[in-house]
Amino acid sequence: HVPTLNDRRDDIPILAEQFTEEICQDYGL
């Protein structure tokens, strides 16, 4: 069973940082 994001809020900083880095790379920013 994969929990909802609301049930694992402590993981949000890790995910947000990773997504930000990837998106900046994708857009060349």
mmCIF file of all heavy atoms, coordinates in Angstrom:
data_MODEL
# 
_entry.id   MODEL 
# 
loop_
_atom_site.group_PDB 
_atom_site.id 
_atom_site.type_symbol 
_atom_site.label_atom_id 
_atom_site.label_alt_id 
_atom_site.label_comp_id 
_atom_site.label_asym_id 
_atom_site.label_entity_id 
_atom_site.label_seq_id 
_atom_site.pdbx_PDB_ins_code 
_atom_site.Cartn_x 
_atom_site.Cartn_y 
_atom_site.Cartn_z 
_atom_site.occupancy 
_atom_site.B_iso_or_equiv 
_atom_site.pdbx_formal_charge 
_atom_site.auth_seq_id 
_atom_site.auth_comp_id 
_atom_site.auth_asym_id 
_atom_site.auth_atom_id 
_atom_site.pdbx_PDB_model_num 
ATOM 1   N N   . HIS A 1 1  ? 0.852  -1.199 0.000   1.00 0.00 ? 1  HIS A N   1 
ATOM 2   C CA  . HIS A 1 1  ? 0.000  0.000  0.000   1.00 0.00 ? 1  HIS A CA  1 
ATOM 3   C C   . HIS A 1 1  ? 0.882  1.242  0.000   1.00 0.00 ? 1  HIS A C   1 
ATOM 4   O O   . HIS A 1 1  ? 1.769  1.388  0.841   1.00 0.00 ? 1  HIS A O   1 
ATOM 5   C CB  . HIS A 1 1  ? -0.922 0.025  1.222   1.00 0.00 ? 1  HIS A CB  1 
ATOM 6   C CG  . HIS A 1 1  ? -1.798 1.240  1.259   1.00 0.00 ? 1  HIS A CG  1 
ATOM 7   N ND1 . HIS A 1 1  ? -2.858 1.422  0.400   1.00 0.00 ? 1  HIS A ND1 1 
ATOM 8   C CD2 . HIS A 1 1  ? -1.742 2.356  2.037   1.00 0.00 ? 1  HIS A CD2 1 
ATOM 9   C CE1 . HIS A 1 1  ? -3.438 2.586  0.650   1.00 0.00 ? 1  HIS A CE1 1 
ATOM 10  N NE2 . HIS A 1 1  ? -2.774 3.163  1.636   1.00 0.00 ? 1  HIS A NE2 1 
ATOM 11  N N   . VAL A 1 2  ? 0.637  2.128  -0.960  1.00 0.00 ? 2  VAL A N   1 
ATOM 12  C CA  . VAL A 1 2  ? 1.400  3.375  -1.058  1.00 0.00 ? 2  VAL A CA  1 
ATOM 13  C C   . VAL A 1 2  ? 0.592  4.485  -0.382  1.00 0.00 ? 2  VAL A C   1 
ATOM 14  O O   . VAL A 1 2  ? -0.541 4.758  -0.802  1.00 0.00 ? 2  VAL A O   1 
ATOM 15  C CB  . VAL A 1 2  ? 1.673  3.750  -2.530  1.00 0.00 ? 2  VAL A CB  1 
ATOM 16  C CG1 . VAL A 1 2  ? 2.564  4.981  -2.594  1.00 0.00 ? 2  VAL A CG1 1 
ATOM 17  C CG2 . VAL A 1 2  ? 2.320  2.584  -3.265  1.00 0.00 ? 2  VAL A CG2 1 
ATOM 18  N N   . PRO A 1 3  ? 1.134  5.114  0.669   1.00 0.00 ? 3  PRO A N   1 
ATOM 19  C CA  . PRO A 1 3  ? 0.365  6.115  1.415   1.00 0.00 ? 3  PRO A CA  1 
ATOM 20  C C   . PRO A 1 3  ? 0.173  7.403  0.626   1.00 0.00 ? 3  PRO A C   1 
ATOM 21  O O   . PRO A 1 3  ? 0.910  7.693  -0.318  1.00 0.00 ? 3  PRO A O   1 
ATOM 22  C CB  . PRO A 1 3  ? 1.229  6.362  2.655   1.00 0.00 ? 3  PRO A CB  1 
ATOM 23  C CG  . PRO A 1 3  ? 2.626  6.070  2.190   1.00 0.00 ? 3  PRO A CG  1 
ATOM 24  C CD  . PRO A 1 3  ? 2.492  4.938  1.201   1.00 0.00 ? 3  PRO A CD  1 
ATOM 25  N N   . THR A 1 4  ? -0.808 8.175  1.022   1.00 0.00 ? 4  THR A N   1 
ATOM 26  C CA  . THR A 1 4  ? -1.018 9.489  0.417   1.00 0.00 ? 4  THR A CA  1 
ATOM 27  C C   . THR A 1 4  ? 0.100  10.433 0.857   1.00 0.00 ? 4  THR A C   1 
ATOM 28  O O   . THR A 1 4  ? 0.778  10.180 1.861   1.00 0.00 ? 4  THR A O   1 
ATOM 29  C CB  . THR A 1 4  ? -2.361 10.091 0.848   1.00 0.00 ? 4  THR A CB  1 
ATOM 30  O OG1 . THR A 1 4  ? -2.314 10.367 2.263   1.00 0.00 ? 4  THR A OG1 1 
ATOM 31  C CG2 . THR A 1 4  ? -3.513 9.141  0.551   1.00 0.00 ? 4  THR A CG2 1 
ATOM 32  N N   . LEU A 1 5  ? 0.266  11.518 0.137   1.00 0.00 ? 5  LEU A N   1 
ATOM 33  C CA  . LEU A 1 5  ? 1.273  12.511 0.510   1.00 0.00 ? 5  LEU A CA  1 
ATOM 34  C C   . LEU A 1 5  ? 0.912  13.165 1.838   1.00 0.00 ? 5  LEU A C   1 
ATOM 35  O O   . LEU A 1 5  ? 1.797  13.544 2.609   1.00 0.00 ? 5  LEU A O   1 
ATOM 36  C CB  . LEU A 1 5  ? 1.394  13.566 -0.595  1.00 0.00 ? 5  LEU A CB  1 
ATOM 37  C CG  . LEU A 1 5  ? 2.579  14.525 -0.492  1.00 0.00 ? 5  LEU A CG  1 
ATOM 38  C CD1 . LEU A 1 5  ? 3.898  13.776 -0.415  1.00 0.00 ? 5  LEU A CD1 1 
ATOM 39  C CD2 . LEU A 1 5  ? 2.587  15.489 -1.683  1.00 0.00 ? 5  LEU A CD2 1 
ATOM 40  N N   . ASN A 1 6  ? -0.377 13.278 2.114   1.00 0.00 ? 6  ASN A N   1 
ATOM 41  C CA  . ASN A 1 6  ? -0.808 13.865 3.388   1.00 0.00 ? 6  ASN A CA  1 
ATOM 42  C C   . ASN A 1 6  ? -0.426 12.993 4.577   1.00 0.00 ? 6  ASN A C   1 
ATOM 43  O O   . ASN A 1 6  ? -0.319 13.484 5.700   1.00 0.00 ? 6  ASN A O   1 
ATOM 44  C CB  . ASN A 1 6  ? -2.328 14.074 3.376   1.00 0.00 ? 6  ASN A CB  1 
ATOM 45  C CG  . ASN A 1 6  ? -2.764 15.044 2.296   1.00 0.00 ? 6  ASN A CG  1 
ATOM 46  O OD1 . ASN A 1 6  ? -2.132 16.067 2.091   1.00 0.00 ? 6  ASN A OD1 1 
ATOM 47  N ND2 . ASN A 1 6  ? -3.838 14.715 1.591   1.00 0.00 ? 6  ASN A ND2 1 
ATOM 48  N N   . ASP A 1 7  ? -0.219 11.695 4.323   1.00 0.00 ? 7  ASP A N   1 
ATOM 49  C CA  . ASP A 1 7  ? 0.185  10.773 5.390   1.00 0.00 ? 7  ASP A CA  1 
ATOM 50  C C   . ASP A 1 7  ? 1.693  10.676 5.542   1.00 0.00 ? 7  ASP A C   1 
ATOM 51  O O   . ASP A 1 7  ? 2.175  9.941  6.412   1.00 0.00 ? 7  ASP A O   1 
ATOM 52  C CB  . ASP A 1 7  ? -0.383 9.368  5.112   1.00 0.00 ? 7  ASP A CB  1 
ATOM 53  C CG  . ASP A 1 7  ? -1.892 9.326  5.236   1.00 0.00 ? 7  ASP A CG  1 
ATOM 54  O OD1 . ASP A 1 7  ? -2.438 10.127 6.013   1.00 0.00 ? 7  ASP A OD1 1 
ATOM 55  O OD2 . ASP A 1 7  ? -2.525 8.505  4.537   1.00 0.00 ? 7  ASP A OD2 1 
ATOM 56  N N   . ARG A 1 8  ? 2.429  11.382 4.693   1.00 0.00 ? 8  ARG A N   1 
ATOM 57  C CA  . ARG A 1 8  ? 3.897  11.358 4.768   1.00 0.00 ? 8  ARG A CA  1 
ATOM 58  C C   . ARG A 1 8  ? 4.455  12.759 4.521   1.00 0.00 ? 8  ARG A C   1 
ATOM 59  O O   . ARG A 1 8  ? 5.331  12.978 3.695   1.00 0.00 ? 8  ARG A O   1 
ATOM 60  C CB  . ARG A 1 8  ? 4.463  10.354 3.759   1.00 0.00 ? 8  ARG A CB  1 
ATOM 61  C CG  . ARG A 1 8  ? 3.844  10.415 2.391   1.00 0.00 ? 8  ARG A CG  1 
ATOM 62  C CD  . ARG A 1 8  ? 4.429  9.443  1.407   1.00 0.00 ? 8  ARG A CD  1 
ATOM 63  N NE  . ARG A 1 8  ? 5.786  9.741  1.025   1.00 0.00 ? 8  ARG A NE  1 
ATOM 64  C CZ  . ARG A 1 8  ? 6.296  9.556  -0.198  1.00 0.00 ? 8  ARG A CZ  1 
ATOM 65  N NH1 . ARG A 1 8  ? 5.533  9.095  -1.177  1.00 0.00 ? 8  ARG A NH1 1 
ATOM 66  N NH2 . ARG A 1 8  ? 7.540  9.839  -0.461  1.00 0.00 ? 8  ARG A NH2 1 
ATOM 67  N N   . ARG A 1 9  ? 3.913  13.728 5.269   1.00 0.00 ? 9  ARG A N   1 
ATOM 68  C CA  . ARG A 1 9  ? 4.281  15.136 5.059   1.00 0.00 ? 9  ARG A CA  1 
ATOM 69  C C   . ARG A 1 9  ? 5.762  15.406 5.305   1.00 0.00 ? 9  ARG A C   1 
ATOM 70  O O   . ARG A 1 9  ? 6.324  16.356 4.761   1.00 0.00 ? 9  ARG A O   1 
ATOM 71  C CB  . ARG A 1 9  ? 3.437  16.045 5.955   1.00 0.00 ? 9  ARG A CB  1 
ATOM 72  C CG  . ARG A 1 9  ? 1.957  16.048 5.571   1.00 0.00 ? 9  ARG A CG  1 
ATOM 73  C CD  . ARG A 1 9  ? 1.135  16.989 6.442   1.00 0.00 ? 9  ARG A CD  1 
ATOM 74  N NE  . ARG A 1 9  ? -0.278 16.915 6.109   1.00 0.00 ? 9  ARG A NE  1 
ATOM 75  C CZ  . ARG A 1 9  ? -0.854 17.611 5.143   1.00 0.00 ? 9  ARG A CZ  1 
ATOM 76  N NH1 . ARG A 1 9  ? -0.124 18.444 4.417   1.00 0.00 ? 9  ARG A NH1 1 
ATOM 77  N NH2 . ARG A 1 9  ? -2.137 17.485 4.902   1.00 0.00 ? 9  ARG A NH2 1 
ATOM 78  N N   . ASP A 1 10 ? 6.406  14.585 6.137   1.00 0.00 ? 10 ASP A N   1 
ATOM 79  C CA  . ASP A 1 10 ? 7.835  14.780 6.397   1.00 0.00 ? 10 ASP A CA  1 
ATOM 80  C C   . ASP A 1 10 ? 8.683  14.551 5.149   1.00 0.00 ? 10 ASP A C   1 
ATOM 81  O O   . ASP A 1 10 ? 9.839  14.978 5.082   1.00 0.00 ? 10 ASP A O   1 
ATOM 82  C CB  . ASP A 1 10 ? 8.309  13.834 7.511   1.00 0.00 ? 10 ASP A CB  1 
ATOM 83  C CG  . ASP A 1 10 ? 7.758  14.234 8.878   1.00 0.00 ? 10 ASP A CG  1 
ATOM 84  O OD1 . ASP A 1 10 ? 7.268  15.367 9.001   1.00 0.00 ? 10 ASP A OD1 1 
ATOM 85  O OD2 . ASP A 1 10 ? 7.806  13.403 9.804   1.00 0.00 ? 10 ASP A OD2 1 
ATOM 86  N N   . ASP A 1 11 ? 8.111  13.865 4.157   1.00 0.00 ? 11 ASP A N   1 
ATOM 87  C CA  . ASP A 1 11 ? 8.847  13.620 2.910   1.00 0.00 ? 11 ASP A CA  1 
ATOM 88  C C   . ASP A 1 11 ? 8.712  14.771 1.913   1.00 0.00 ? 11 ASP A C   1 
ATOM 89  O O   . ASP A 1 11 ? 9.409  14.776 0.890   1.00 0.00 ? 11 ASP A O   1 
ATOM 90  C CB  . ASP A 1 11 ? 8.347  12.333 2.245   1.00 0.00 ? 11 ASP A CB  1 
ATOM 91  C CG  . ASP A 1 11 ? 8.734  11.085 3.020   1.00 0.00 ? 11 ASP A CG  1 
ATOM 92  O OD1 . ASP A 1 11 ? 9.726  11.143 3.764   1.00 0.00 ? 11 ASP A OD1 1 
ATOM 93  O OD2 . ASP A 1 11 ? 8.040  10.064 2.880   1.00 0.00 ? 11 ASP A OD2 1 
ATOM 94  N N   . ILE A 1 12 ? 7.815  15.712 2.180   1.00 0.00 ? 12 ILE A N   1 
ATOM 95  C CA  . ILE A 1 12 ? 7.571  16.800 1.228   1.00 0.00 ? 12 ILE A CA  1 
ATOM 96  C C   . ILE A 1 12 ? 8.834  17.618 0.944   1.00 0.00 ? 12 ILE A C   1 
ATOM 97  O O   . ILE A 1 12 ? 9.105  17.937 -0.224  1.00 0.00 ? 12 ILE A O   1 
ATOM 98  C CB  . ILE A 1 12 ? 6.412  17.692 1.712   1.00 0.00 ? 12 ILE A CB  1 
ATOM 99  C CG1 . ILE A 1 12 ? 5.091  16.925 1.565   1.00 0.00 ? 12 ILE A CG1 1 
ATOM 100 C CG2 . ILE A 1 12 ? 6.344  19.008 0.924   1.00 0.00 ? 12 ILE A CG2 1 
ATOM 101 C CD1 . ILE A 1 12 ? 3.872  17.647 2.088   1.00 0.00 ? 12 ILE A CD1 1 
ATOM 102 N N   . PRO A 1 13 ? 9.661  17.992 1.943   1.00 0.00 ? 13 PRO A N   1 
ATOM 103 C CA  . PRO A 1 13 ? 10.885 18.746 1.629   1.00 0.00 ? 13 PRO A CA  1 
ATOM 104 C C   . PRO A 1 13 ? 11.805 18.015 0.661   1.00 0.00 ? 13 PRO A C   1 
ATOM 105 O O   . PRO A 1 13 ? 12.356 18.632 -0.257  1.00 0.00 ? 13 PRO A O   1 
ATOM 106 C CB  . PRO A 1 13 ? 11.546 18.932 3.004   1.00 0.00 ? 13 PRO A CB  1 
ATOM 107 C CG  . PRO A 1 13 ? 10.407 18.900 3.966   1.00 0.00 ? 13 PRO A CG  1 
ATOM 108 C CD  . PRO A 1 13 ? 9.444  17.898 3.410   1.00 0.00 ? 13 PRO A CD  1 
ATOM 109 N N   . ILE A 1 14 ? 11.991 16.706 0.844   1.00 0.00 ? 14 ILE A N   1 
ATOM 110 C CA  . ILE A 1 14 ? 12.865 15.928 -0.053  1.00 0.00 ? 14 ILE A CA  1 
ATOM 111 C C   . ILE A 1 14 ? 12.305 15.949 -1.466  1.00 0.00 ? 14 ILE A C   1 
ATOM 112 O O   . ILE A 1 14 ? 13.025 16.185 -2.444  1.00 0.00 ? 14 ILE A O   1 
ATOM 113 C CB  . ILE A 1 14 ? 12.987 14.477 0.450   1.00 0.00 ? 14 ILE A CB  1 
ATOM 114 C CG1 . ILE A 1 14 ? 13.598 14.433 1.845   1.00 0.00 ? 14 ILE A CG1 1 
ATOM 115 C CG2 . ILE A 1 14 ? 13.822 13.644 -0.518  1.00 0.00 ? 14 ILE A CG2 1 
ATOM 116 C CD1 . ILE A 1 14 ? 13.583 13.066 2.487   1.00 0.00 ? 14 ILE A CD1 1 
ATOM 117 N N   . LEU A 1 15 ? 11.005 15.711 -1.595  1.00 0.00 ? 15 LEU A N   1 
ATOM 118 C CA  . LEU A 1 15 ? 10.363 15.677 -2.909  1.00 0.00 ? 15 LEU A CA  1 
ATOM 119 C C   . LEU A 1 15 ? 10.389 17.049 -3.569  1.00 0.00 ? 15 LEU A C   1 
ATOM 120 O O   . LEU A 1 15 ? 10.697 17.167 -4.764  1.00 0.00 ? 15 LEU A O   1 
ATOM 121 C CB  . LEU A 1 15 ? 8.914  15.196 -2.764  1.00 0.00 ? 15 LEU A CB  1 
ATOM 122 C CG  . LEU A 1 15 ? 8.740  13.739 -2.341  1.00 0.00 ? 15 LEU A CG  1 
ATOM 123 C CD1 . LEU A 1 15 ? 7.333  13.491 -1.830  1.00 0.00 ? 15 LEU A CD1 1 
ATOM 124 C CD2 . LEU A 1 15 ? 9.038  12.803 -3.508  1.00 0.00 ? 15 LEU A CD2 1 
ATOM 125 N N   . ALA A 1 16 ? 10.075 18.091 -2.797  1.00 0.00 ? 16 ALA A N   1 
ATOM 126 C CA  . ALA A 1 16 ? 10.025 19.448 -3.354  1.00 0.00 ? 16 ALA A CA  1 
ATOM 127 C C   . ALA A 1 16 ? 11.394 19.892 -3.852  1.00 0.00 ? 16 ALA A C   1 
ATOM 128 O O   . ALA A 1 16 ? 11.514 20.489 -4.936  1.00 0.00 ? 16 ALA A O   1 
ATOM 129 C CB  . ALA A 1 16 ? 9.499  20.427 -2.307  1.00 0.00 ? 16 ALA A CB  1 
ATOM 130 N N   . GLU A 1 17 ? 12.437 19.608 -3.086  1.00 0.00 ? 17 GLU A N   1 
ATOM 131 C CA  . GLU A 1 17 ? 13.799 19.970 -3.489  1.00 0.00 ? 17 GLU A CA  1 
ATOM 132 C C   . GLU A 1 17 ? 14.198 19.229 -4.764  1.00 0.00 ? 17 GLU A C   1 
ATOM 133 O O   . GLU A 1 17 ? 14.780 19.814 -5.681  1.00 0.00 ? 17 GLU A O   1 
ATOM 134 C CB  . GLU A 1 17 ? 14.794 19.657 -2.367  1.00 0.00 ? 17 GLU A CB  1 
ATOM 135 C CG  . GLU A 1 17 ? 14.666 20.530 -1.124  1.00 0.00 ? 17 GLU A CG  1 
ATOM 136 C CD  . GLU A 1 17 ? 15.228 21.935 -1.315  1.00 0.00 ? 17 GLU A CD  1 
ATOM 137 O OE1 . GLU A 1 17 ? 15.692 22.249 -2.425  1.00 0.00 ? 17 GLU A OE1 1 
ATOM 138 O OE2 . GLU A 1 17 ? 15.195 22.714 -0.344  1.00 0.00 ? 17 GLU A OE2 1 
ATOM 139 N N   . GLN A 1 18 ? 13.883 17.937 -4.825  1.00 0.00 ? 18 GLN A N   1 
ATOM 140 C CA  . GLN A 1 18 ? 14.240 17.134 -5.995  1.00 0.00 ? 18 GLN A CA  1 
ATOM 141 C C   . GLN A 1 18 ? 13.501 17.624 -7.234  1.00 0.00 ? 18 GLN A C   1 
ATOM 142 O O   . GLN A 1 18 ? 14.091 17.779 -8.315  1.00 0.00 ? 18 GLN A O   1 
ATOM 143 C CB  . GLN A 1 18 ? 13.918 15.661 -5.737  1.00 0.00 ? 18 GLN A CB  1 
ATOM 144 C CG  . GLN A 1 18 ? 14.259 14.733 -6.890  1.00 0.00 ? 18 GLN A CG  1 
ATOM 145 C CD  . GLN A 1 18 ? 15.751 14.620 -7.160  1.00 0.00 ? 18 GLN A CD  1 
ATOM 146 O OE1 . GLN A 1 18 ? 16.560 14.871 -6.259  1.00 0.00 ? 18 GLN A OE1 1 
ATOM 147 N NE2 . GLN A 1 18 ? 16.125 14.272 -8.374  1.00 0.00 ? 18 GLN A NE2 1 
ATOM 148 N N   . PHE A 1 19 ? 12.198 17.885 -7.111  1.00 0.00 ? 19 PHE A N   1 
ATOM 149 C CA  . PHE A 1 19 ? 11.416 18.361 -8.240  1.00 0.00 ? 19 PHE A CA  1 
ATOM 150 C C   . PHE A 1 19 ? 11.930 19.719 -8.723  1.00 0.00 ? 19 PHE A C   1 
ATOM 151 O O   . PHE A 1 19 ? 12.015 19.970 -9.923  1.00 0.00 ? 19 PHE A O   1 
ATOM 152 C CB  . PHE A 1 19 ? 9.943  18.465 -7.866  1.00 0.00 ? 19 PHE A CB  1 
ATOM 153 C CG  . PHE A 1 19 ? 9.267  17.135 -7.658  1.00 0.00 ? 19 PHE A CG  1 
ATOM 154 C CD1 . PHE A 1 19 ? 8.174  17.006 -6.814  1.00 0.00 ? 19 PHE A CD1 1 
ATOM 155 C CD2 . PHE A 1 19 ? 9.724  15.996 -8.307  1.00 0.00 ? 19 PHE A CD2 1 
ATOM 156 C CE1 . PHE A 1 19 ? 7.551  15.782 -6.629  1.00 0.00 ? 19 PHE A CE1 1 
ATOM 157 C CE2 . PHE A 1 19 ? 9.110  14.770 -8.129  1.00 0.00 ? 19 PHE A CE2 1 
ATOM 158 C CZ  . PHE A 1 19 ? 8.023  14.669 -7.274  1.00 0.00 ? 19 PHE A CZ  1 
ATOM 159 N N   . THR A 1 20 ? 12.264 20.593 -7.768  1.00 0.00 ? 20 THR A N   1 
ATOM 160 C CA  . THR A 1 20 ? 12.764 21.923 -8.131  1.00 0.00 ? 20 THR A CA  1 
ATOM 161 C C   . THR A 1 20 ? 14.057 21.821 -8.921  1.00 0.00 ? 20 THR A C   1 
ATOM 162 O O   . THR A 1 20 ? 14.235 22.497 -9.944  1.00 0.00 ? 20 THR A O   1 
ATOM 163 C CB  . THR A 1 20 ? 12.986 22.777 -6.861  1.00 0.00 ? 20 THR A CB  1 
ATOM 164 O OG1 . THR A 1 20 ? 11.755 22.890 -6.153  1.00 0.00 ? 20 THR A OG1 1 
ATOM 165 C CG2 . THR A 1 20 ? 13.480 24.170 -7.216  1.00 0.00 ? 20 THR A CG2 1 
ATOM 166 N N   . GLU A 1 21 ? 14.963 20.971 -8.463  1.00 0.00 ? 21 GLU A N   1 
ATOM 167 C CA  . GLU A 1 21 ? 16.242 20.795 -9.164  1.00 0.00 ? 21 GLU A CA  1 
ATOM 168 C C   . GLU A 1 21 ? 16.013 20.254 -10.577 1.00 0.00 ? 21 GLU A C   1 
ATOM 169 O O   . GLU A 1 21 ? 16.592 20.752 -11.551 1.00 0.00 ? 21 GLU A O   1 
ATOM 170 C CB  . GLU A 1 21 ? 17.135 19.838 -8.373  1.00 0.00 ? 21 GLU A CB  1 
ATOM 171 C CG  . GLU A 1 21 ? 18.491 19.610 -9.016  1.00 0.00 ? 21 GLU A CG  1 
ATOM 172 C CD  . GLU A 1 21 ? 19.369 18.650 -8.232  1.00 0.00 ? 21 GLU A CD  1 
ATOM 173 O OE1 . GLU A 1 21 ? 19.018 18.323 -7.079  1.00 0.00 ? 21 GLU A OE1 1 
ATOM 174 O OE2 . GLU A 1 21 ? 20.411 18.224 -8.776  1.00 0.00 ? 21 GLU A OE2 1 
ATOM 175 N N   . GLU A 1 22 ? 15.158 19.248 -10.700 1.00 0.00 ? 22 GLU A N   1 
ATOM 176 C CA  . GLU A 1 22 ? 14.894 18.649 -12.009 1.00 0.00 ? 22 GLU A CA  1 
ATOM 177 C C   . GLU A 1 22 ? 14.235 19.644 -12.963 1.00 0.00 ? 22 GLU A C   1 
ATOM 178 O O   . GLU A 1 22 ? 14.609 19.738 -14.138 1.00 0.00 ? 22 GLU A O   1 
ATOM 179 C CB  . GLU A 1 22 ? 13.988 17.426 -11.846 1.00 0.00 ? 22 GLU A CB  1 
ATOM 180 C CG  . GLU A 1 22 ? 14.666 16.250 -11.165 1.00 0.00 ? 22 GLU A CG  1 
ATOM 181 C CD  . GLU A 1 22 ? 13.718 15.088 -10.964 1.00 0.00 ? 22 GLU A CD  1 
ATOM 182 O OE1 . GLU A 1 22 ? 12.537 15.208 -11.378 1.00 0.00 ? 22 GLU A OE1 1 
ATOM 183 O OE2 . GLU A 1 22 ? 14.136 14.064 -10.401 1.00 0.00 ? 22 GLU A OE2 1 
ATOM 184 N N   . ILE A 1 23 ? 13.270 20.390 -12.465 1.00 0.00 ? 23 ILE A N   1 
ATOM 185 C CA  . ILE A 1 23 ? 12.540 21.335 -13.316 1.00 0.00 ? 23 ILE A CA  1 
ATOM 186 C C   . ILE A 1 23 ? 13.457 22.472 -13.768 1.00 0.00 ? 23 ILE A C   1 
ATOM 187 O O   . ILE A 1 23 ? 13.406 22.895 -14.926 1.00 0.00 ? 23 ILE A O   1 
ATOM 188 C CB  . ILE A 1 23 ? 11.301 21.873 -12.571 1.00 0.00 ? 23 ILE A CB  1 
ATOM 189 C CG1 . ILE A 1 23 ? 10.292 20.740 -12.358 1.00 0.00 ? 23 ILE A CG1 1 
ATOM 190 C CG2 . ILE A 1 23 ? 10.642 23.018 -13.346 1.00 0.00 ? 23 ILE A CG2 1 
ATOM 191 C CD1 . ILE A 1 23 ? 9.266  21.024 -11.278 1.00 0.00 ? 23 ILE A CD1 1 
ATOM 192 N N   . CYS A 1 24 ? 14.313 22.949 -12.871 1.00 0.00 ? 24 CYS A N   1 
ATOM 193 C CA  . CYS A 1 24 ? 15.283 23.988 -13.249 1.00 0.00 ? 24 CYS A CA  1 
ATOM 194 C C   . CYS A 1 24 ? 16.218 23.474 -14.337 1.00 0.00 ? 24 CYS A C   1 
ATOM 195 O O   . CYS A 1 24 ? 16.545 24.188 -15.289 1.00 0.00 ? 24 CYS A O   1 
ATOM 196 C CB  . CYS A 1 24 ? 16.077 24.450 -12.025 1.00 0.00 ? 24 CYS A CB  1 
ATOM 197 S SG  . CYS A 1 24 ? 15.144 25.490 -10.882 1.00 0.00 ? 24 CYS A SG  1 
ATOM 198 N N   . GLN A 1 25 ? 16.653 22.228 -14.214 1.00 0.00 ? 25 GLN A N   1 
ATOM 199 C CA  . GLN A 1 25 ? 17.501 21.622 -15.245 1.00 0.00 ? 25 GLN A CA  1 
ATOM 200 C C   . GLN A 1 25 ? 16.751 21.522 -16.569 1.00 0.00 ? 25 GLN A C   1 
ATOM 201 O O   . GLN A 1 25 ? 17.297 21.848 -17.627 1.00 0.00 ? 25 GLN A O   1 
ATOM 202 C CB  . GLN A 1 25 ? 17.957 20.233 -14.797 1.00 0.00 ? 25 GLN A CB  1 
ATOM 203 C CG  . GLN A 1 25 ? 18.978 20.241 -13.674 1.00 0.00 ? 25 GLN A CG  1 
ATOM 204 C CD  . GLN A 1 25 ? 19.306 18.836 -13.175 1.00 0.00 ? 25 GLN A CD  1 
ATOM 205 O OE1 . GLN A 1 25 ? 18.703 17.866 -13.595 1.00 0.00 ? 25 GLN A OE1 1 
ATOM 206 N NE2 . GLN A 1 25 ? 20.253 18.745 -12.250 1.00 0.00 ? 25 GLN A NE2 1 
ATOM 207 N N   . ASP A 1 26 ? 15.500 21.079 -16.515 1.00 0.00 ? 26 ASP A N   1 
ATOM 208 C CA  . ASP A 1 26 ? 14.714 20.916 -17.734 1.00 0.00 ? 26 ASP A CA  1 
ATOM 209 C C   . ASP A 1 26 ? 14.525 22.241 -18.466 1.00 0.00 ? 26 ASP A C   1 
ATOM 210 O O   . ASP A 1 26 ? 14.542 22.286 -19.698 1.00 0.00 ? 26 ASP A O   1 
ATOM 211 C CB  . ASP A 1 26 ? 13.341 20.314 -17.411 1.00 0.00 ? 26 ASP A CB  1 
ATOM 212 C CG  . ASP A 1 26 ? 13.434 18.853 -16.993 1.00 0.00 ? 26 ASP A CG  1 
ATOM 213 O OD1 . ASP A 1 26 ? 14.508 18.248 -17.211 1.00 0.00 ? 26 ASP A OD1 1 
ATOM 214 O OD2 . ASP A 1 26 ? 12.460 18.325 -16.435 1.00 0.00 ? 26 ASP A OD2 1 
ATOM 215 N N   . TYR A 1 27 ? 14.331 23.317 -17.716 1.00 0.00 ? 27 TYR A N   1 
ATOM 216 C CA  . TYR A 1 27 ? 14.093 24.623 -18.318 1.00 0.00 ? 27 TYR A CA  1 
ATOM 217 C C   . TYR A 1 27 ? 15.385 25.421 -18.528 1.00 0.00 ? 27 TYR A C   1 
ATOM 218 O O   . TYR A 1 27 ? 15.330 26.542 -19.046 1.00 0.00 ? 27 TYR A O   1 
ATOM 219 C CB  . TYR A 1 27 ? 13.124 25.441 -17.461 1.00 0.00 ? 27 TYR A CB  1 
ATOM 220 C CG  . TYR A 1 27 ? 11.688 25.014 -17.583 1.00 0.00 ? 27 TYR A CG  1 
ATOM 221 C CD1 . TYR A 1 27 ? 10.975 24.571 -16.474 1.00 0.00 ? 27 TYR A CD1 1 
ATOM 222 C CD2 . TYR A 1 27 ? 11.032 25.039 -18.807 1.00 0.00 ? 27 TYR A CD2 1 
ATOM 223 C CE1 . TYR A 1 27 ? 9.652  24.169 -16.581 1.00 0.00 ? 27 TYR A CE1 1 
ATOM 224 C CE2 . TYR A 1 27 ? 9.713  24.644 -18.928 1.00 0.00 ? 27 TYR A CE2 1 
ATOM 225 C CZ  . TYR A 1 27 ? 9.031  24.208 -17.811 1.00 0.00 ? 27 TYR A CZ  1 
ATOM 226 O OH  . TYR A 1 27 ? 7.723  23.816 -17.921 1.00 0.00 ? 27 TYR A OH  1 
ATOM 227 N N   . GLY A 1 28 ? 16.526 24.869 -18.117 1.00 0.00 ? 28 GLY A N   1 
ATOM 228 C CA  . GLY A 1 28 ? 17.786 25.593 -18.261 1.00 0.00 ? 28 GLY A CA  1 
ATOM 229 C C   . GLY A 1 28 ? 17.878 26.812 -17.375 1.00 0.00 ? 28 GLY A C   1 
ATOM 230 O O   . GLY A 1 28 ? 18.516 27.815 -17.726 1.00 0.00 ? 28 GLY A O   1 
ATOM 231 N N   . LEU A 1 29 ? 17.257 26.745 -16.196 1.00 0.00 ? 29 LEU A N   1 
ATOM 232 C CA  . LEU A 1 29 ? 17.248 27.876 -15.267 1.00 0.00 ? 29 LEU A CA  1 
ATOM 233 C C   . LEU A 1 29 ? 18.265 27.656 -14.148 1.00 0.00 ? 29 LEU A C   1 
ATOM 234 O O   . LEU A 1 29 ? 18.563 26.515 -13.797 1.00 0.00 ? 29 LEU A O   1 
ATOM 235 C CB  . LEU A 1 29 ? 15.856 28.027 -14.637 1.00 0.00 ? 29 LEU A CB  1 
ATOM 236 C CG  . LEU A 1 29 ? 14.697 28.361 -15.591 1.00 0.00 ? 29 LEU A CG  1 
ATOM 237 C CD1 . LEU A 1 29 ? 13.372 28.251 -14.840 1.00 0.00 ? 29 LEU A CD1 1 
ATOM 238 C CD2 . LEU A 1 29 ? 14.872 29.751 -16.178 1.00 0.00 ? 29 LEU A CD2 1 
# 
